[in-house]
PDB file of N, CA and C in Angstrom:
ATOM      1  N   MET A   1      73.572 -20.298   6.201  1.00  0.00           N
ATOM      2  CA  MET A   1      72.244 -20.807   5.969  1.00  0.00           C
ATOM      3  C   MET A   1      72.020 -20.941   4.456  1.00  0.00           C
ATOM      4  N   ILE A   2      71.520 -22.072   4.043  1.00  0.00           N
ATOM      5  CA  ILE A   2      71.258 -22.332   2.633  1.00  0.00           C
ATOM      6  C   ILE A   2      69.797 -22.005   2.336  1.00  0.00           C
ATOM      7  N   HIS A   3      69.587 -21.207   1.302  1.00  0.00           N
ATOM      8  CA  HIS A   3      68.233 -20.874   0.884  1.00  0.00           C
ATOM      9  C   HIS A   3      67.917 -21.654  -0.382  1.00  0.00           C
ATOM     10  N   HIS A   4      66.822 -22.351  -0.361  1.00  0.00           N
ATOM     11  CA  HIS A   4      66.401 -23.119  -1.526  1.00  0.00           C
ATOM     12  C   HIS A   4      65.343 -22.355  -2.288  1.00  0.00           C
ATOM     13  N   GLN A   5      65.420 -22.461  -3.590  1.00  0.00           N
ATOM     14  CA  GLN A   5      64.390 -21.876  -4.436  1.00  0.00           C
ATOM     15  C   GLN A   5      63.094 -22.654  -4.232  1.00  0.00           C
ATOM     16  N   PRO A   6      61.967 -21.968  -4.190  1.00  0.00           N
ATOM     17  CA  PRO A   6      60.691 -22.699  -4.100  1.00  0.00           C
ATOM     18  C   PRO A   6      60.534 -23.628  -5.304  1.00  0.00           C
ATOM     19  N   GLN A   7      60.117 -24.834  -5.057  1.00  0.00           N
ATOM     20  CA  GLN A   7      60.020 -25.837  -6.118  1.00  0.00           C
ATOM     21  C   GLN A   7      58.717 -25.737  -6.911  1.00  0.00           C
ATOM     22  N   LEU A   8      57.654 -25.248  -6.292  1.00  0.00           N
ATOM     23  CA  LEU A   8      56.360 -25.234  -6.965  1.00  0.00           C
ATOM     24  C   LEU A   8      56.374 -24.448  -8.274  1.00  0.00           C
ATOM     25  N   PRO A   9      56.903 -23.234  -8.324  1.00  0.00           N
ATOM     26  CA  PRO A   9      56.931 -22.528  -9.621  1.00  0.00           C
ATOM     27  C   PRO A   9      57.734 -23.277 -10.685  1.00  0.00           C
ATOM     28  N   LYS A  10      58.818 -23.904 -10.281  1.00  0.00           N
ATOM     29  CA  LYS A  10      59.643 -24.654 -11.227  1.00  0.00           C
ATOM     30  C   LYS A  10      58.871 -25.864 -11.770  1.00  0.00           C
ATOM     31  N   VAL A  11      58.215 -26.586 -10.878  1.00  0.00           N
ATOM     32  CA  VAL A  11      57.422 -27.754 -11.288  1.00  0.00           C
ATOM     33  C   VAL A  11      56.272 -27.316 -12.194  1.00  0.00           C
ATOM     34  N   TYR A  12      55.615 -26.211 -11.831  1.00  0.00           N
ATOM     35  CA  TYR A  12      54.519 -25.698 -12.645  1.00  0.00           C
ATOM     36  C   TYR A  12      54.997 -25.392 -14.061  1.00  0.00           C
ATOM     37  N   CYS A  13      56.115 -24.701 -14.186  1.00  0.00           N
ATOM     38  CA  CYS A  13      56.646 -24.348 -15.513  1.00  0.00           C
ATOM     39  C   CYS A  13      56.979 -25.593 -16.336  1.00  0.00           C
ATOM     40  N   LEU A  14      57.575 -26.583 -15.702  1.00  0.00           N
ATOM     41  CA  LEU A  14      57.894 -27.828 -16.410  1.00  0.00           C
ATOM     42  C   LEU A  14      56.635 -28.556 -16.859  1.00  0.00           C
ATOM     43  N   ARG A  15      55.635 -28.630 -15.977  1.00  0.00           N
ATOM     44  CA  ARG A  15      54.382 -29.316 -16.331  1.00  0.00           C
ATOM     45  C   ARG A  15      53.648 -28.570 -17.442  1.00  0.00           C
ATOM     46  N   ARG A  16      53.667 -27.246 -17.370  1.00  0.00           N
ATOM     47  CA  ARG A  16      52.990 -26.459 -18.394  1.00  0.00           C
ATOM     48  C   ARG A  16      53.668 -26.660 -19.746  1.00  0.00           C
ATOM     49  N   LEU A  17      54.989 -26.669 -19.759  1.00  0.00           N
ATOM     50  CA  LEU A  17      55.734 -26.920 -20.989  1.00  0.00           C
ATOM     51  C   LEU A  17      55.398 -28.304 -21.549  1.00  0.00           C
ATOM     52  N   HIS A  18      55.335 -29.300 -20.680  1.00  0.00           N
ATOM     53  CA  HIS A  18      54.981 -30.657 -21.106  1.00  0.00           C
ATOM     54  C   HIS A  18      53.583 -30.686 -21.707  1.00  0.00           C
ATOM     55  N   ARG A  19      52.637 -29.992 -21.077  1.00  0.00           N
ATOM     56  CA  ARG A  19      51.261 -29.960 -21.591  1.00  0.00           C
ATOM     57  C   ARG A  19      51.192 -29.237 -22.937  1.00  0.00           C
ATOM     58  N   LYS A  20      51.963 -28.165 -23.089  1.00  0.00           N
ATOM     59  CA  LYS A  20      51.985 -27.456 -24.374  1.00  0.00           C
ATOM     60  C   LYS A  20      52.511 -28.363 -25.474  1.00  0.00           C
ATOM     61  N   GLU A  21      53.561 -29.117 -25.171  1.00  0.00           N
ATOM     62  CA  GLU A  21      54.107 -30.059 -26.152  1.00  0.00           C
ATOM     63  C   GLU A  21      53.090 -31.145 -26.477  1.00  0.00           C
ATOM     64  N   LEU A  22      52.383 -31.622 -25.478  1.00  0.00           N
ATOM     65  CA  LEU A  22      51.347 -32.632 -25.688  1.00  0.00           C
ATOM     66  C   LEU A  22      50.275 -32.100 -26.628  1.00  0.00           C
ATOM     67  N   LEU A  23      49.824 -30.885 -26.398  1.00  0.00           N
ATOM     68  CA  LEU A  23      48.804 -30.289 -27.267  1.00  0.00           C
ATOM     69  C   LEU A  23      49.328 -30.088 -28.678  1.00  0.00           C
ATOM     70  N   THR A  24      50.561 -29.657 -28.805  1.00  0.00           N
ATOM     71  CA  THR A  24      51.152 -29.417 -30.124  1.00  0.00           C
ATOM     72  C   THR A  24      51.324 -30.714 -30.907  1.00  0.00           C
ATOM     73  N   ASN A  25      51.791 -31.748 -30.230  1.00  0.00           N
ATOM     74  CA  ASN A  25      52.145 -32.990 -30.916  1.00  0.00           C
ATOM     75  C   ASN A  25      51.004 -33.998 -31.030  1.00  0.00           C
ATOM     76  N   GLU A  26      50.028 -33.923 -30.164  1.00  0.00           N
ATOM     77  CA  GLU A  26      49.024 -34.987 -30.092  1.00  0.00           C
ATOM     78  C   GLU A  26      47.602 -34.558 -30.447  1.00  0.00           C
ATOM     79  N   SER A  27      47.326 -33.272 -30.479  1.00  0.00           N
ATOM     80  CA  SER A  27      45.952 -32.804 -30.665  1.00  0.00           C
ATOM     81  C   SER A  27      45.740 -32.255 -32.066  1.00  0.00           C
ATOM     82  N   LEU A  28      44.860 -32.895 -32.817  1.00  0.00           N
ATOM     83  CA  LEU A  28      44.483 -32.378 -34.125  1.00  0.00           C
ATOM     84  C   LEU A  28      43.272 -31.460 -34.017  1.00  0.00           C
ATOM     85  N   SER A  29      42.364 -31.798 -33.128  1.00  0.00           N
ATOM     86  CA  SER A  29      41.194 -30.973 -32.834  1.00  0.00           C
ATOM     87  C   SER A  29      40.708 -31.362 -31.453  1.00  0.00           C
ATOM     88  N   GLY A  30      39.817 -30.587 -30.917  1.00  0.00           N
ATOM     89  CA  GLY A  30      39.364 -30.883 -29.576  1.00  0.00           C
ATOM     90  C   GLY A  30      38.117 -30.113 -29.199  1.00  0.00           C
ATOM     91  N   CYS A  31      37.824 -30.139 -27.931  1.00  0.00           N
ATOM     92  CA  CYS A  31      36.615 -29.540 -27.392  1.00  0.00           C
ATOM     93  C   CYS A  31      36.973 -28.754 -26.139  1.00  0.00           C
ATOM     94  N   LEU A  32      36.387 -27.580 -25.996  1.00  0.00           N
ATOM     95  CA  LEU A  32      36.570 -26.787 -24.790  1.00  0.00           C
ATOM     96  C   LEU A  32      35.360 -26.936 -23.875  1.00  0.00           C
ATOM     97  N   THR A  33      35.621 -27.009 -22.586  1.00  0.00           N
ATOM     98  CA  THR A  33      34.542 -26.865 -21.611  1.00  0.00           C
ATOM     99  C   THR A  33      34.949 -25.764 -20.655  1.00  0.00           C
ATOM    100  N   THR A  34      33.974 -25.033 -20.199  1.00  0.00           N
ATOM    101  CA  THR A  34      34.224 -23.965 -19.245  1.00  0.00           C
ATOM    102  C   THR A  34      33.230 -24.101 -18.100  1.00  0.00           C
ATOM    103  N   ASP A  35      33.603 -23.545 -16.987  1.00  0.00           N
ATOM    104  CA  ASP A  35      32.708 -23.510 -15.839  1.00  0.00           C
ATOM    105  C   ASP A  35      32.922 -22.184 -15.138  1.00  0.00           C
ATOM    106  N   CYS A  36      31.848 -21.537 -14.765  1.00  0.00           N
ATOM    107  CA  CYS A  36      31.907 -20.299 -14.000  1.00  0.00           C
ATOM    108  C   CYS A  36      31.178 -20.536 -12.684  1.00  0.00           C
ATOM    109  N   TRP A  37      31.742 -20.028 -11.607  1.00  0.00           N
ATOM    110  CA  TRP A  37      31.098 -20.172 -10.304  1.00  0.00           C
ATOM    111  C   TRP A  37      31.539 -19.038  -9.404  1.00  0.00           C
ATOM    112  N   THR A  38      30.828 -18.917  -8.301  1.00  0.00           N
ATOM    113  CA  THR A  38      31.149 -17.912  -7.295  1.00  0.00           C
ATOM    114  C   THR A  38      31.455 -18.627  -5.995  1.00  0.00           C
ATOM    115  N   SER A  39      32.564 -18.252  -5.375  1.00  0.00           N
ATOM    116  CA  SER A  39      32.968 -18.878  -4.120  1.00  0.00           C
ATOM    117  C   SER A  39      32.078 -18.405  -2.971  1.00  0.00           C
ATOM    118  N   ARG A  40      32.232 -19.043  -1.833  1.00  0.00           N
ATOM    119  CA  ARG A  40      31.444 -18.674  -0.656  1.00  0.00           C
ATOM    120  C   ARG A  40      31.727 -17.246  -0.191  1.00  0.00           C
ATOM    121  N   ASN A  41      32.921 -16.766  -0.489  1.00  0.00           N
ATOM    122  CA  ASN A  41      33.227 -15.381  -0.112  1.00  0.00           C
ATOM    123  C   ASN A  41      33.004 -14.414  -1.273  1.00  0.00           C
ATOM    124  N   ASN A  42      32.135 -14.833  -2.206  1.00  0.00           N
ATOM    125  CA  ASN A  42      31.617 -13.985  -3.276  1.00  0.00           C
ATOM    126  C   ASN A  42      32.668 -13.557  -4.305  1.00  0.00           C
ATOM    127  N   ILE A  43      33.591 -14.449  -4.627  1.00  0.00           N
ATOM    128  CA  ILE A  43      34.569 -14.200  -5.686  1.00  0.00           C
ATOM    129  C   ILE A  43      34.224 -15.120  -6.853  1.00  0.00           C
ATOM    130  N   ALA A  44      34.083 -14.533  -8.049  1.00  0.00           N
ATOM    131  CA  ALA A  44      33.727 -15.300  -9.242  1.00  0.00           C
ATOM    132  C   ALA A  44      34.984 -15.874  -9.896  1.00  0.00           C
ATOM    133  N   PHE A  45      34.839 -17.074 -10.465  1.00  0.00           N
ATOM    134  CA  PHE A  45      35.938 -17.759 -11.139  1.00  0.00           C
ATOM    135  C   PHE A  45      35.453 -18.346 -12.453  1.00  0.00           C
ATOM    136  N   ILE A  46      36.404 -18.588 -13.341  1.00  0.00           N
ATOM    137  CA  ILE A  46      36.148 -19.325 -14.582  1.00  0.00           C
ATOM    138  C   ILE A  46      37.281 -20.330 -14.769  1.00  0.00           C
ATOM    139  N   SER A  47      36.922 -21.536 -15.195  1.00  0.00           N
ATOM    140  CA  SER A  47      37.934 -22.525 -15.562  1.00  0.00           C
ATOM    141  C   SER A  47      37.706 -22.908 -17.020  1.00  0.00           C
ATOM    142  N   ILE A  48      38.811 -23.215 -17.700  1.00  0.00           N
ATOM    143  CA  ILE A  48      38.751 -23.580 -19.121  1.00  0.00           C
ATOM    144  C   ILE A  48      39.577 -24.844 -19.307  1.00  0.00           C
ATOM    145  N   THR A  49      38.939 -25.881 -19.856  1.00  0.00           N
ATOM    146  CA  THR A  49      39.591 -27.174 -20.053  1.00  0.00           C
ATOM    147  C   THR A  49      39.485 -27.563 -21.520  1.00  0.00           C
ATOM    148  N   TYR A  50      40.565 -28.110 -22.060  1.00  0.00           N
ATOM    149  CA  TYR A  50      40.620 -28.570 -23.447  1.00  0.00           C
ATOM    150  C   TYR A  50      40.673 -30.093 -23.443  1.00  0.00           C
ATOM    151  N   HIS A  51      39.778 -30.722 -24.186  1.00  0.00           N
ATOM    152  CA  HIS A  51      39.704 -32.179 -24.279  1.00  0.00           C
ATOM    153  C   HIS A  51      40.006 -32.601 -25.714  1.00  0.00           C
ATOM    154  N   PHE A  52      40.761 -33.691 -25.854  1.00  0.00           N
ATOM    155  CA  PHE A  52      41.076 -34.183 -27.188  1.00  0.00           C
ATOM    156  C   PHE A  52      41.424 -35.667 -27.109  1.00  0.00           C
ATOM    157  N   ILE A  53      41.414 -36.306 -28.249  1.00  0.00           N
ATOM    158  CA  ILE A  53      41.839 -37.696 -28.347  1.00  0.00           C
ATOM    159  C   ILE A  53      43.217 -37.696 -28.987  1.00  0.00           C
ATOM    160  N   ASP A  54      44.188 -38.302 -28.294  1.00  0.00           N
ATOM    161  CA  ASP A  54      45.572 -38.264 -28.783  1.00  0.00           C
ATOM    162  C   ASP A  54      45.785 -39.285 -29.896  1.00  0.00           C
ATOM    163  N   THR A  55      47.011 -39.373 -30.380  1.00  0.00           N
ATOM    164  CA  THR A  55      47.322 -40.248 -31.508  1.00  0.00           C
ATOM    165  C   THR A  55      47.202 -41.730 -31.163  1.00  0.00           C
ATOM    166  N   GLN A  56      47.143 -42.056 -29.878  1.00  0.00           N
ATOM    167  CA  GLN A  56      46.929 -43.444 -29.430  1.00  0.00           C
ATOM    168  C   GLN A  56      45.459 -43.691 -29.087  1.00  0.00           C
ATOM    169  N   PHE A  57      44.578 -42.755 -29.437  1.00  0.00           N
ATOM    170  CA  PHE A  57      43.140 -42.824 -29.188  1.00  0.00           C
ATOM    171  C   PHE A  57      42.797 -42.847 -27.702  1.00  0.00           C
ATOM    172  N   VAL A  58      43.570 -42.083 -26.926  1.00  0.00           N
ATOM    173  CA  VAL A  58      43.308 -41.930 -25.496  1.00  0.00           C
ATOM    174  C   VAL A  58      42.727 -40.532 -25.280  1.00  0.00           C
ATOM    175  N   LEU A  59      41.606 -40.474 -24.550  1.00  0.00           N
ATOM    176  CA  LEU A  59      40.998 -39.192 -24.238  1.00  0.00           C
ATOM    177  C   LEU A  59      41.876 -38.442 -23.241  1.00  0.00           C
ATOM    178  N   ARG A  60      42.224 -37.217 -23.570  1.00  0.00           N
ATOM    179  CA  ARG A  60      43.053 -36.381 -22.710  1.00  0.00           C
ATOM    180  C   ARG A  60      42.292 -35.111 -22.359  1.00  0.00           C
ATOM    181  N   SER A  61      42.538 -34.588 -21.189  1.00  0.00           N
ATOM    182  CA  SER A  61      41.980 -33.306 -20.751  1.00  0.00           C
ATOM    183  C   SER A  61      43.092 -32.483 -20.129  1.00  0.00           C
ATOM    184  N   VAL A  62      43.165 -31.227 -20.535  1.00  0.00           N
ATOM    185  CA  VAL A  62      44.193 -30.327 -20.019  1.00  0.00           C
ATOM    186  C   VAL A  62      43.496 -29.069 -19.491  1.00  0.00           C
ATOM    187  N   LEU A  63      43.687 -28.789 -18.210  1.00  0.00           N
ATOM    188  CA  LEU A  63      43.172 -27.550 -17.632  1.00  0.00           C
ATOM    189  C   LEU A  63      44.042 -26.409 -18.145  1.00  0.00           C
ATOM    190  N   LEU A  64      43.452 -25.538 -18.943  1.00  0.00           N
ATOM    191  CA  LEU A  64      44.199 -24.429 -19.525  1.00  0.00           C
ATOM    192  C   LEU A  64      44.283 -23.243 -18.574  1.00  0.00           C
ATOM    193  N   GLY A  65      43.291 -23.110 -17.726  1.00  0.00           N
ATOM    194  CA  GLY A  65      43.315 -21.988 -16.803  1.00  0.00           C
ATOM    195  C   GLY A  65      42.162 -22.004 -15.840  1.00  0.00           C
ATOM    196  N   CYS A  66      42.391 -21.429 -14.695  1.00  0.00           N
ATOM    197  CA  CYS A  66      41.360 -21.192 -13.687  1.00  0.00           C
ATOM    198  C   CYS A  66      41.650 -19.799 -13.143  1.00  0.00           C
ATOM    199  N   TYR A  67      40.773 -18.867 -13.450  1.00  0.00           N
ATOM    200  CA  TYR A  67      41.039 -17.465 -13.168  1.00  0.00           C
ATOM    201  C   TYR A  67      39.924 -16.850 -12.335  1.00  0.00           C
ATOM    202  N   GLU A  68      40.312 -15.840 -11.557  1.00  0.00           N
ATOM    203  CA  GLU A  68      39.301 -14.987 -10.953  1.00  0.00           C
ATOM    204  C   GLU A  68      38.660 -14.209 -12.096  1.00  0.00           C
ATOM    205  N   PHE A  69      37.340 -14.096 -12.049  1.00  0.00           N
ATOM    206  CA  PHE A  69      36.611 -13.472 -13.161  1.00  0.00           C
ATOM    207  C   PHE A  69      35.707 -12.393 -12.592  1.00  0.00           C
ATOM    208  N   SER A  70      36.267 -11.204 -12.418  1.00  0.00           N
ATOM    209  CA  SER A  70      35.540 -10.128 -11.757  1.00  0.00           C
ATOM    210  C   SER A  70      34.655  -9.324 -12.715  1.00  0.00           C
ATOM    211  N   GLU A  71      34.809  -9.571 -14.008  1.00  0.00           N
ATOM    212  CA  GLU A  71      34.023  -8.837 -14.998  1.00  0.00           C
ATOM    213  C   GLU A  71      32.597  -9.398 -15.079  1.00  0.00           C
ATOM    214  N   SER A  72      31.744  -8.673 -15.762  1.00  0.00           N
ATOM    215  CA  SER A  72      30.401  -9.155 -16.052  1.00  0.00           C
ATOM    216  C   SER A  72      30.503 -10.450 -16.863  1.00  0.00           C
ATOM    217  N   HIS A  73      29.611 -11.392 -16.637  1.00  0.00           N
ATOM    218  CA  HIS A  73      29.642 -12.665 -17.359  1.00  0.00           C
ATOM    219  C   HIS A  73      28.950 -12.560 -18.715  1.00  0.00           C
ATOM    220  N   SER A  74      29.216 -11.493 -19.417  1.00  0.00           N
ATOM    221  CA  SER A  74      28.630 -11.306 -20.747  1.00  0.00           C
ATOM    222  C   SER A  74      29.322 -12.228 -21.738  1.00  0.00           C
ATOM    223  N   GLY A  75      28.662 -12.473 -22.845  1.00  0.00           N
ATOM    224  CA  GLY A  75      29.245 -13.313 -23.883  1.00  0.00           C
ATOM    225  C   GLY A  75      30.573 -12.765 -24.381  1.00  0.00           C
ATOM    226  N   LEU A  76      30.672 -11.455 -24.524  1.00  0.00           N
ATOM    227  CA  LEU A  76      31.903 -10.840 -25.019  1.00  0.00           C
ATOM    228  C   LEU A  76      33.054 -11.031 -24.035  1.00  0.00           C
ATOM    229  N   ASN A  77      32.802 -10.827 -22.746  1.00  0.00           N
ATOM    230  CA  ASN A  77      33.852 -11.006 -21.742  1.00  0.00           C
ATOM    231  C   ASN A  77      34.291 -12.464 -21.647  1.00  0.00           C
ATOM    232  N   LEU A  78      33.328 -13.379 -21.696  1.00  0.00           N
ATOM    233  CA  LEU A  78      33.673 -14.802 -21.678  1.00  0.00           C
ATOM    234  C   LEU A  78      34.491 -15.164 -22.910  1.00  0.00           C
ATOM    235  N   CYS A  79      34.067 -14.685 -24.064  1.00  0.00           N
ATOM    236  CA  CYS A  79      34.777 -14.955 -25.319  1.00  0.00           C
ATOM    237  C   CYS A  79      36.204 -14.424 -25.256  1.00  0.00           C
ATOM    238  N   ASN A  80      36.382 -13.210 -24.755  1.00  0.00           N
ATOM    239  CA  ASN A  80      37.727 -12.620 -24.667  1.00  0.00           C
ATOM    240  C   ASN A  80      38.632 -13.435 -23.751  1.00  0.00           C
ATOM    241  N   THR A  81      38.100 -13.885 -22.621  1.00  0.00           N
ATOM    242  CA  THR A  81      38.898 -14.680 -21.683  1.00  0.00           C
ATOM    243  C   THR A  81      39.283 -16.014 -22.310  1.00  0.00           C
ATOM    244  N   ILE A  82      38.350 -16.654 -22.996  1.00  0.00           N
ATOM    245  CA  ILE A  82      38.635 -17.926 -23.663  1.00  0.00           C
ATOM    246  C   ILE A  82      39.684 -17.725 -24.754  1.00  0.00           C
ATOM    247  N   GLN A  83      39.527 -16.668 -25.554  1.00  0.00           N
ATOM    248  CA  GLN A  83      40.466 -16.409 -26.646  1.00  0.00           C
ATOM    249  C   GLN A  83      41.869 -16.117 -26.116  1.00  0.00           C
ATOM    250  N   GLU A  84      41.974 -15.327 -25.055  1.00  0.00           N
ATOM    251  CA  GLU A  84      43.279 -15.032 -24.447  1.00  0.00           C
ATOM    252  C   GLU A  84      43.942 -16.313 -23.945  1.00  0.00           C
ATOM    253  N   THR A  85      43.141 -17.210 -23.382  1.00  0.00           N
ATOM    254  CA  THR A  85      43.680 -18.473 -22.876  1.00  0.00           C
ATOM    255  C   THR A  85      44.167 -19.346 -24.020  1.00  0.00           C
ATOM    256  N   LEU A  86      43.395 -19.437 -25.101  1.00  0.00           N
ATOM    257  CA  LEU A  86      43.826 -20.209 -26.266  1.00  0.00           C
ATOM    258  C   LEU A  86      45.120 -19.641 -26.835  1.00  0.00           C
ATOM    259  N   ASP A  87      45.235 -18.330 -26.854  1.00  0.00           N
ATOM    260  CA  ASP A  87      46.466 -17.692 -27.349  1.00  0.00           C
ATOM    261  C   ASP A  87      47.661 -18.041 -26.458  1.00  0.00           C
ATOM    262  N   LYS A  88      47.473 -18.013 -25.136  1.00  0.00           N
ATOM    263  CA  LYS A  88      48.558 -18.350 -24.202  1.00  0.00           C
ATOM    264  C   LYS A  88      49.076 -19.762 -24.437  1.00  0.00           C
ATOM    265  N   TRP A  89      48.170 -20.660 -24.795  1.00  0.00           N
ATOM    266  CA  TRP A  89      48.531 -22.068 -24.975  1.00  0.00           C
ATOM    267  C   TRP A  89      48.864 -22.398 -26.425  1.00  0.00           C
ATOM    268  N   ASN A  90      48.870 -21.389 -27.302  1.00  0.00           N
ATOM    269  CA  ASN A  90      49.179 -21.582 -28.726  1.00  0.00           C
ATOM    270  C   ASN A  90      48.251 -22.599 -29.378  1.00  0.00           C
ATOM    271  N   ILE A  91      46.996 -22.596 -28.974  1.00  0.00           N
ATOM    272  CA  ILE A  91      46.023 -23.490 -29.609  1.00  0.00           C
ATOM    273  C   ILE A  91      45.537 -22.812 -30.875  1.00  0.00           C
ATOM    274  N   ASP A  92      45.736 -23.477 -31.979  1.00  0.00           N
ATOM    275  CA  ASP A  92      45.435 -22.940 -33.302  1.00  0.00           C
ATOM    276  C   ASP A  92      43.950 -22.609 -33.407  1.00  0.00           C
ATOM    277  N   LYS A  93      43.667 -21.382 -33.780  1.00  0.00           N
ATOM    278  CA  LYS A  93      42.287 -20.931 -33.916  1.00  0.00           C
ATOM    279  C   LYS A  93      41.577 -21.619 -35.078  1.00  0.00           C
ATOM    280  N   LYS A  94      42.348 -22.214 -35.984  1.00  0.00           N
ATOM    281  CA  LYS A  94      41.745 -22.878 -37.135  1.00  0.00           C
ATOM    282  C   LYS A  94      41.342 -24.320 -36.837  1.00  0.00           C
ATOM    283  N   LYS A  95      41.760 -24.822 -35.676  1.00  0.00           N
ATOM    284  CA  LYS A  95      41.342 -26.170 -35.300  1.00  0.00           C
ATOM    285  C   LYS A  95      39.847 -26.180 -34.993  1.00  0.00           C
ATOM    286  N   ASN A  96      39.258 -27.335 -35.142  1.00  0.00           N
ATOM    287  CA  ASN A  96      37.842 -27.467 -34.808  1.00  0.00           C
ATOM    288  C   ASN A  96      37.706 -27.683 -33.313  1.00  0.00           C
ATOM    289  N   TYR A  97      36.985 -26.795 -32.677  1.00  0.00           N
ATOM    290  CA  TYR A  97      36.673 -27.011 -31.278  1.00  0.00           C
ATOM    291  C   TYR A  97      35.357 -26.344 -30.948  1.00  0.00           C
ATOM    292  N   PHE A  98      34.724 -26.858 -29.938  1.00  0.00           N
ATOM    293  CA  PHE A  98      33.447 -26.349 -29.503  1.00  0.00           C
ATOM    294  C   PHE A  98      33.542 -26.020 -28.026  1.00  0.00           C
ATOM    295  N   SER A  99      32.717 -25.126 -27.594  1.00  0.00           N
ATOM    296  CA  SER A  99      32.749 -24.719 -26.194  1.00  0.00           C
ATOM    297  C   SER A  99      31.413 -25.018 -25.533  1.00  0.00           C
ATOM    298  N   SER A 100      31.492 -25.411 -24.301  1.00  0.00           N
ATOM    299  CA  SER A 100      30.290 -25.678 -23.517  1.00  0.00           C
ATOM    300  C   SER A 100      30.408 -24.923 -22.203  1.00  0.00           C
ATOM    301  N   LEU A 101      29.461 -24.054 -21.932  1.00  0.00           N
ATOM    302  CA  LEU A 101      29.431 -23.319 -20.670  1.00  0.00           C
ATOM    303  C   LEU A 101      28.517 -24.045 -19.707  1.00  0.00           C
ATOM    304  N   ARG A 102      29.002 -24.200 -18.482  1.00  0.00           N
ATOM    305  CA  ARG A 102      28.157 -24.837 -17.460  1.00  0.00           C
ATOM    306  C   ARG A 102      27.696 -23.814 -16.481  1.00  0.00           C
TER     307      ARG A 102
END
Protein backbone atom coordinates (compact mmCIF):
# COMPACT_ATOMS: atom_id res chain seq x y z
CA MET A 1 0.00 0.00 0.00
CA ILE A 2 1.36 3.41 -0.98
CA HIS A 3 0.91 6.23 1.51
CA HIS A 4 0.89 9.74 0.13
CA GLN A 5 1.89 12.77 2.09
CA PRO A 6 -1.00 15.18 2.62
CA GLN A 7 -0.73 17.90 -0.02
CA LEU A 8 -2.44 20.73 1.86
CA PRO A 9 0.44 21.49 4.28
CA LYS A 10 2.91 21.42 1.38
CA VAL A 11 0.76 23.76 -0.73
CA TYR A 12 0.26 26.07 2.25
CA CYS A 13 4.02 26.33 2.86
CA LEU A 14 4.69 27.08 -0.81
CA ARG A 15 1.95 29.73 -0.97
CA ARG A 16 3.14 31.32 2.26
CA LEU A 17 6.70 31.48 0.94
CA HIS A 18 5.43 33.07 -2.28
CA ARG A 19 3.45 35.66 -0.30
CA LYS A 20 6.48 36.47 1.87
CA GLU A 21 8.56 37.03 -1.26
CA LEU A 22 5.80 39.21 -2.71
CA LEU A 23 5.76 41.36 0.43
CA THR A 24 9.55 41.60 0.50
CA ASN A 25 9.96 42.47 -3.16
CA GLU A 26 6.84 44.48 -3.95
CA SER A 27 5.69 46.30 -0.81
CA LEU A 28 7.26 49.59 0.21
CA SER A 29 4.48 50.46 2.65
CA GLY A 30 0.96 49.34 3.28
CA CYS A 31 -2.11 49.24 5.44
CA LEU A 32 -3.36 46.69 7.95
CA THR A 33 -6.98 45.80 8.49
CA THR A 34 -8.21 43.56 11.24
CA ASP A 35 -11.53 42.03 12.10
CA CYS A 36 -12.64 40.39 15.33
CA TRP A 37 -15.77 38.28 15.62
CA THR A 38 -17.35 35.52 17.62
CA SER A 39 -18.61 32.35 15.97
CA ARG A 40 -22.04 30.85 16.60
CA ASN A 41 -20.48 28.41 19.03
CA ASN A 42 -18.99 31.32 21.00
CA ILE A 43 -15.36 31.14 19.83
CA ALA A 44 -13.66 34.49 19.21
CA PHE A 45 -11.40 35.04 16.19
CA ILE A 46 -9.17 37.76 14.76
CA SER A 47 -8.02 38.14 11.16
CA ILE A 48 -5.19 40.40 10.00
CA THR A 49 -4.79 41.48 6.37
CA TYR A 50 -2.01 43.57 4.81
CA HIS A 51 -2.86 45.74 1.78
CA PHE A 52 -0.34 47.43 -0.49
CA ILE A 53 0.19 48.69 -4.01
CA ASP A 54 2.86 46.71 -5.84
CA THR A 55 5.51 48.02 -8.23
CA GLN A 56 3.04 47.67 -11.14
CA PHE A 57 0.48 49.82 -9.23
CA VAL A 58 -1.82 46.87 -8.57
CA LEU A 59 -3.63 46.76 -5.23
CA ARG A 60 -2.70 43.57 -3.38
CA SER A 61 -4.10 42.06 -0.19
CA VAL A 62 -2.46 39.29 1.80
CA LEU A 63 -4.20 37.52 4.68
CA LEU A 64 -1.46 37.34 7.30
CA GLY A 65 -3.42 35.34 9.81
CA CYS A 66 -6.76 34.21 11.14
CA TYR A 67 -6.49 33.05 14.73
CA GLU A 68 -8.65 31.96 17.59
CA PHE A 69 -8.53 34.87 20.02
CA SER A 70 -9.48 33.67 23.49
CA GLU A 71 -7.90 36.60 25.33
CA SER A 72 -9.64 39.81 26.34
CA HIS A 73 -10.02 42.18 23.37
CA SER A 74 -7.99 44.86 25.10
CA GLY A 75 -5.81 47.21 23.10
CA LEU A 76 -2.67 45.60 24.51
CA ASN A 77 -3.73 42.05 23.57
CA LEU A 78 -4.76 43.15 20.08
CA CYS A 79 -1.48 45.04 19.66
CA ASN A 80 0.56 42.01 20.78
CA THR A 81 -1.24 39.70 18.35
CA ILE A 82 -0.76 42.14 15.47
CA GLN A 83 2.93 42.63 16.33
CA GLU A 84 3.56 38.87 16.56
CA THR A 85 1.93 38.43 13.15
CA LEU A 86 4.03 41.19 11.58
CA ASP A 87 7.14 39.54 13.04
CA LYS A 88 6.15 36.13 11.59
CA TRP A 89 5.83 37.70 8.14
CA ASN A 90 9.03 39.78 8.49
CA ILE A 91 7.12 42.99 7.84
CA ASP A 92 9.47 45.83 8.68
CA LYS A 93 8.26 47.78 11.69
CA LYS A 94 9.74 50.94 10.16
CA LYS A 95 7.42 50.80 7.16
CA ASN A 96 4.44 53.10 7.17
CA TYR A 97 1.26 51.26 7.90
CA PHE A 98 -2.00 51.94 9.60
CA SER A 99 -4.44 49.63 11.27
CA SER A 100 -8.20 49.61 11.16
CA LEU A 101 -10.25 47.53 13.58
CA ARG A 102 -13.72 46.52 12.51
